[in-house]
Amino acid sequence: MCPAASASVRFLVVDVVGNVAAFIPIGFAVAGSIEGNGGSRLWFATGVGALLSLFIELVQLNIATRATDVDDLIFNTLGAAIGGGVFVAWESWRSESD
């Protein structure tokens, strides 16, 4: 595999998939921690994920060995939204089966 393709695969796996996957459990937990309908839970989980990611990126500004990247903020927020959506879908399925 050529070096450029290797770098692209690494970016896809580590940066994109890793950032999304890291925030799915956060979104799931946050959506499950509040009362409300599915939409409000999803928005709250997404917002908390975005704020947490922004906080992490801002802290990294002061760490010489770390770098900040808007892509991290986007993919982390997406992961939180997915996690919140999974919780909302699971909760809906669970309440329908009762």
N, C-alpha and C. Protein backbone atom coordinates (compact mmCIF):
# COMPACT_ATOMS: atom_id res chain seq x y z
N MET A 1 0.85 -1.17 0.00
CA MET A 1 0.00 0.00 0.00
C MET A 1 0.90 1.24 0.00
N CYS A 2 0.54 2.21 -0.80
CA CYS A 2 1.35 3.42 -0.88
C CYS A 2 1.19 4.25 0.39
N PRO A 3 2.18 5.07 0.71
CA PRO A 3 2.14 5.84 1.96
C PRO A 3 0.92 6.76 2.08
N ALA A 4 0.49 7.35 0.95
CA ALA A 4 -0.67 8.24 1.00
C ALA A 4 -1.93 7.47 1.35
N ALA A 5 -2.08 6.29 0.76
CA ALA A 5 -3.26 5.46 1.07
C ALA A 5 -3.20 4.98 2.51
N SER A 6 -2.04 4.65 2.97
CA SER A 6 -1.85 4.21 4.36
C SER A 6 -2.25 5.32 5.33
N ALA A 7 -1.85 6.53 5.03
CA ALA A 7 -2.21 7.68 5.88
C ALA A 7 -3.71 7.93 5.85
N SER A 8 -4.33 7.74 4.71
CA SER A 8 -5.78 7.93 4.59
C SER A 8 -6.54 6.90 5.41
N VAL A 9 -6.09 5.66 5.36
CA VAL A 9 -6.73 4.60 6.13
C VAL A 9 -6.58 4.88 7.62
N ARG A 10 -5.39 5.30 8.03
CA ARG A 10 -5.17 5.63 9.44
C ARG A 10 -6.08 6.76 9.87
N PHE A 11 -6.19 7.80 9.05
CA PHE A 11 -7.07 8.91 9.38
C PHE A 11 -8.51 8.42 9.54
N LEU A 12 -8.97 7.62 8.61
CA LEU A 12 -10.34 7.12 8.66
C LEU A 12 -10.59 6.32 9.92
N VAL A 13 -9.70 5.40 10.21
CA VAL A 13 -9.91 4.50 11.34
C VAL A 13 -9.72 5.22 12.67
N VAL A 14 -8.60 5.89 12.83
CA VAL A 14 -8.28 6.48 14.12
C VAL A 14 -9.06 7.76 14.36
N ASP A 15 -8.99 8.68 13.46
CA ASP A 15 -9.59 9.98 13.70
C ASP A 15 -11.11 9.97 13.58
N VAL A 16 -11.63 9.39 12.54
CA VAL A 16 -13.07 9.43 12.32
C VAL A 16 -13.78 8.40 13.18
N VAL A 17 -13.51 7.13 12.93
CA VAL A 17 -14.20 6.06 13.64
C VAL A 17 -13.91 6.13 15.14
N GLY A 18 -12.67 6.38 15.49
CA GLY A 18 -12.30 6.45 16.90
C GLY A 18 -13.02 7.55 17.65
N ASN A 19 -13.08 8.75 17.07
CA ASN A 19 -13.76 9.86 17.73
C ASN A 19 -15.26 9.63 17.83
N VAL A 20 -15.85 9.09 16.78
CA VAL A 20 -17.29 8.80 16.82
C VAL A 20 -17.55 7.74 17.88
N ALA A 21 -16.80 6.65 17.84
CA ALA A 21 -17.04 5.53 18.76
C ALA A 21 -16.81 5.93 20.22
N ALA A 22 -15.87 6.80 20.47
CA ALA A 22 -15.57 7.21 21.86
C ALA A 22 -16.74 7.95 22.50
N PHE A 23 -17.53 8.65 21.70
CA PHE A 23 -18.61 9.46 22.26
C PHE A 23 -19.98 8.80 22.19
N ILE A 24 -20.10 7.65 21.56
CA ILE A 24 -21.39 6.95 21.53
C ILE A 24 -21.85 6.60 22.94
N PRO A 25 -21.01 6.00 23.79
CA PRO A 25 -21.47 5.70 25.15
C PRO A 25 -21.84 6.95 25.95
N ILE A 26 -21.16 8.04 25.70
CA ILE A 26 -21.47 9.29 26.40
C ILE A 26 -22.87 9.76 26.01
N GLY A 27 -23.15 9.78 24.72
CA GLY A 27 -24.49 10.18 24.26
C GLY A 27 -25.57 9.27 24.79
N PHE A 28 -25.31 7.97 24.82
CA PHE A 28 -26.27 7.00 25.34
C PHE A 28 -26.55 7.27 26.81
N ALA A 29 -25.50 7.46 27.59
CA ALA A 29 -25.65 7.68 29.03
C ALA A 29 -26.35 9.01 29.33
N VAL A 30 -25.99 10.04 28.61
CA VAL A 30 -26.60 11.34 28.85
C VAL A 30 -28.09 11.31 28.49
N ALA A 31 -28.43 10.68 27.37
CA ALA A 31 -29.85 10.59 26.97
C ALA A 31 -30.65 9.81 28.00
N GLY A 32 -30.02 8.84 28.61
CA GLY A 32 -30.71 8.04 29.62
C GLY A 32 -30.77 8.70 30.98
N SER A 33 -30.05 9.77 31.16
CA SER A 33 -29.97 10.40 32.48
C SER A 33 -31.02 11.48 32.71
N ILE A 34 -31.78 11.82 31.67
CA ILE A 34 -32.77 12.88 31.83
C ILE A 34 -34.16 12.36 31.48
N GLU A 35 -35.15 13.06 31.97
CA GLU A 35 -36.54 12.78 31.62
C GLU A 35 -36.90 13.61 30.40
N GLY A 36 -37.84 13.14 29.65
CA GLY A 36 -38.30 13.91 28.50
C GLY A 36 -38.64 13.00 27.35
N ASN A 37 -39.08 13.62 26.28
CA ASN A 37 -39.40 12.83 25.09
C ASN A 37 -38.12 12.53 24.31
N GLY A 38 -38.26 11.72 23.29
CA GLY A 38 -37.09 11.30 22.52
C GLY A 38 -36.31 12.45 21.92
N GLY A 39 -37.03 13.44 21.38
CA GLY A 39 -36.36 14.58 20.75
C GLY A 39 -35.54 15.40 21.72
N SER A 40 -36.12 15.66 22.90
CA SER A 40 -35.38 16.47 23.88
C SER A 40 -34.18 15.69 24.42
N ARG A 41 -34.32 14.39 24.60
CA ARG A 41 -33.19 13.57 25.05
C ARG A 41 -32.07 13.57 24.01
N LEU A 42 -32.46 13.45 22.76
CA LEU A 42 -31.46 13.42 21.68
C LEU A 42 -30.72 14.75 21.59
N TRP A 43 -31.45 15.86 21.64
CA TRP A 43 -30.81 17.17 21.56
C TRP A 43 -29.92 17.43 22.77
N PHE A 44 -30.38 17.01 23.95
CA PHE A 44 -29.57 17.22 25.15
C PHE A 44 -28.28 16.42 25.07
N ALA A 45 -28.38 15.15 24.67
CA ALA A 45 -27.19 14.31 24.55
C ALA A 45 -26.21 14.88 23.53
N THR A 46 -26.73 15.36 22.41
CA THR A 46 -25.88 15.95 21.38
C THR A 46 -25.21 17.22 21.89
N GLY A 47 -25.96 18.06 22.58
CA GLY A 47 -25.40 19.30 23.12
C GLY A 47 -24.33 19.05 24.17
N VAL A 48 -24.59 18.11 25.07
CA VAL A 48 -23.60 17.78 26.09
C VAL A 48 -22.34 17.22 25.43
N GLY A 49 -22.51 16.36 24.43
CA GLY A 49 -21.36 15.81 23.72
C GLY A 49 -20.55 16.90 23.03
N ALA A 50 -21.24 17.85 22.42
CA ALA A 50 -20.55 18.96 21.75
C ALA A 50 -19.78 19.82 22.75
N LEU A 51 -20.43 20.12 23.88
CA LEU A 51 -19.75 20.95 24.90
C LEU A 51 -18.57 20.22 25.52
N LEU A 52 -18.73 18.93 25.79
CA LEU A 52 -17.61 18.16 26.34
C LEU A 52 -16.45 18.11 25.35
N SER A 53 -16.76 17.88 24.09
CA SER A 53 -15.72 17.84 23.07
C SER A 53 -15.03 19.20 22.94
N LEU A 54 -15.81 20.27 22.96
CA LEU A 54 -15.23 21.61 22.89
C LEU A 54 -14.31 21.87 24.08
N PHE A 55 -14.73 21.45 25.26
CA PHE A 55 -13.90 21.60 26.45
C PHE A 55 -12.56 20.85 26.29
N ILE A 56 -12.64 19.63 25.80
CA ILE A 56 -11.42 18.82 25.58
C ILE A 56 -10.50 19.52 24.59
N GLU A 57 -11.06 20.01 23.50
CA GLU A 57 -10.24 20.69 22.49
C GLU A 57 -9.61 21.96 23.06
N LEU A 58 -10.34 22.71 23.86
CA LEU A 58 -9.79 23.93 24.45
C LEU A 58 -8.68 23.62 25.45
N VAL A 59 -8.84 22.55 26.21
CA VAL A 59 -7.79 22.15 27.15
C VAL A 59 -6.52 21.77 26.38
N GLN A 60 -6.71 21.10 25.25
CA GLN A 60 -5.56 20.66 24.45
C GLN A 60 -4.77 21.84 23.87
N LEU A 61 -5.39 23.01 23.79
CA LEU A 61 -4.64 24.19 23.31
C LEU A 61 -3.43 24.48 24.19
N ASN A 62 -3.52 24.14 25.46
CA ASN A 62 -2.45 24.45 26.42
C ASN A 62 -1.49 23.29 26.65
N ILE A 63 -1.64 22.22 25.90
CA ILE A 63 -0.76 21.06 26.05
C ILE A 63 0.11 20.95 24.79
N ALA A 64 1.40 21.13 24.97
CA ALA A 64 2.31 21.20 23.82
C ALA A 64 2.32 19.94 22.96
N THR A 65 2.09 18.79 23.56
CA THR A 65 2.15 17.54 22.81
C THR A 65 0.82 17.17 22.16
N ARG A 66 -0.19 17.98 22.33
CA ARG A 66 -1.51 17.69 21.77
C ARG A 66 -1.86 18.73 20.72
N ALA A 67 -2.76 18.37 19.83
CA ALA A 67 -3.22 19.29 18.80
C ALA A 67 -4.74 19.34 18.82
N THR A 68 -5.27 20.51 18.51
CA THR A 68 -6.72 20.64 18.41
C THR A 68 -7.13 20.55 16.95
N ASP A 69 -8.35 20.08 16.74
CA ASP A 69 -8.83 19.91 15.38
C ASP A 69 -10.35 20.01 15.38
N VAL A 70 -10.89 20.81 14.51
CA VAL A 70 -12.34 20.95 14.43
C VAL A 70 -13.00 19.63 14.03
N ASP A 71 -12.27 18.79 13.29
CA ASP A 71 -12.82 17.48 12.94
C ASP A 71 -13.13 16.65 14.18
N ASP A 72 -12.29 16.75 15.21
CA ASP A 72 -12.55 16.03 16.45
C ASP A 72 -13.86 16.49 17.07
N LEU A 73 -14.08 17.77 17.09
CA LEU A 73 -15.33 18.32 17.63
C LEU A 73 -16.53 17.80 16.85
N ILE A 74 -16.44 17.80 15.55
CA ILE A 74 -17.54 17.33 14.70
C ILE A 74 -17.80 15.84 14.92
N PHE A 75 -16.75 15.02 14.88
CA PHE A 75 -16.94 13.58 14.99
C PHE A 75 -17.34 13.16 16.40
N ASN A 76 -16.83 13.84 17.41
CA ASN A 76 -17.25 13.55 18.79
C ASN A 76 -18.73 13.88 18.97
N THR A 77 -19.14 15.01 18.44
CA THR A 77 -20.55 15.41 18.52
C THR A 77 -21.43 14.42 17.78
N LEU A 78 -20.98 13.98 16.63
CA LEU A 78 -21.73 12.96 15.87
C LEU A 78 -21.87 11.68 16.70
N GLY A 79 -20.79 11.28 17.36
CA GLY A 79 -20.85 10.08 18.20
C GLY A 79 -21.85 10.23 19.33
N ALA A 80 -21.88 11.40 19.97
CA ALA A 80 -22.85 11.64 21.05
C ALA A 80 -24.27 11.60 20.50
N ALA A 81 -24.47 12.15 19.32
CA ALA A 81 -25.80 12.12 18.70
C ALA A 81 -26.22 10.69 18.37
N ILE A 82 -25.30 9.90 17.86
CA ILE A 82 -25.61 8.50 17.57
C ILE A 82 -25.96 7.76 18.86
N GLY A 83 -25.16 7.97 19.89
CA GLY A 83 -25.44 7.32 21.18
C GLY A 83 -26.79 7.73 21.73
N GLY A 84 -27.10 9.01 21.66
CA GLY A 84 -28.41 9.49 22.11
C GLY A 84 -29.53 8.90 21.27
N GLY A 85 -29.31 8.81 19.97
CA GLY A 85 -30.31 8.22 19.09
C GLY A 85 -30.53 6.74 19.37
N VAL A 86 -29.46 6.04 19.66
CA VAL A 86 -29.58 4.62 20.00
C VAL A 86 -30.38 4.46 21.29
N PHE A 87 -30.11 5.31 22.28
CA PHE A 87 -30.89 5.23 23.52
C PHE A 87 -32.36 5.50 23.26
N VAL A 88 -32.66 6.54 22.51
CA VAL A 88 -34.05 6.90 22.23
C VAL A 88 -34.75 5.76 21.50
N ALA A 89 -34.08 5.16 20.51
CA ALA A 89 -34.67 4.04 19.77
C ALA A 89 -34.88 2.84 20.69
N TRP A 90 -33.90 2.55 21.53
CA TRP A 90 -34.00 1.42 22.46
C TRP A 90 -35.13 1.66 23.46
N GLU A 91 -35.23 2.85 23.98
CA GLU A 91 -36.29 3.19 24.93
C GLU A 91 -37.67 3.08 24.28
N SER A 92 -37.77 3.53 23.05
CA SER A 92 -39.04 3.43 22.31
C SER A 92 -39.41 1.97 22.08
N TRP A 93 -38.45 1.18 21.66
CA TRP A 93 -38.69 -0.25 21.43
C TRP A 93 -39.09 -0.94 22.73
N ARG A 94 -38.40 -0.60 23.80
CA ARG A 94 -38.67 -1.22 25.09
C ARG A 94 -40.07 -0.87 25.60
N SER A 95 -40.50 0.39 25.42
CA SER A 95 -41.83 0.79 25.89
C SER A 95 -42.94 0.20 25.02
N GLU A 96 -42.66 -0.03 23.74
CA GLU A 96 -43.66 -0.65 22.86
C GLU A 96 -43.82 -2.14 23.15
N SER A 97 -42.77 -2.78 23.62
CA SER A 97 -42.84 -4.22 23.87
C SER A 97 -43.46 -4.54 25.23
N ASP A 98 -43.67 -3.52 26.07
CA ASP A 98 -44.29 -3.75 27.39
C ASP A 98 -45.77 -3.91 27.29
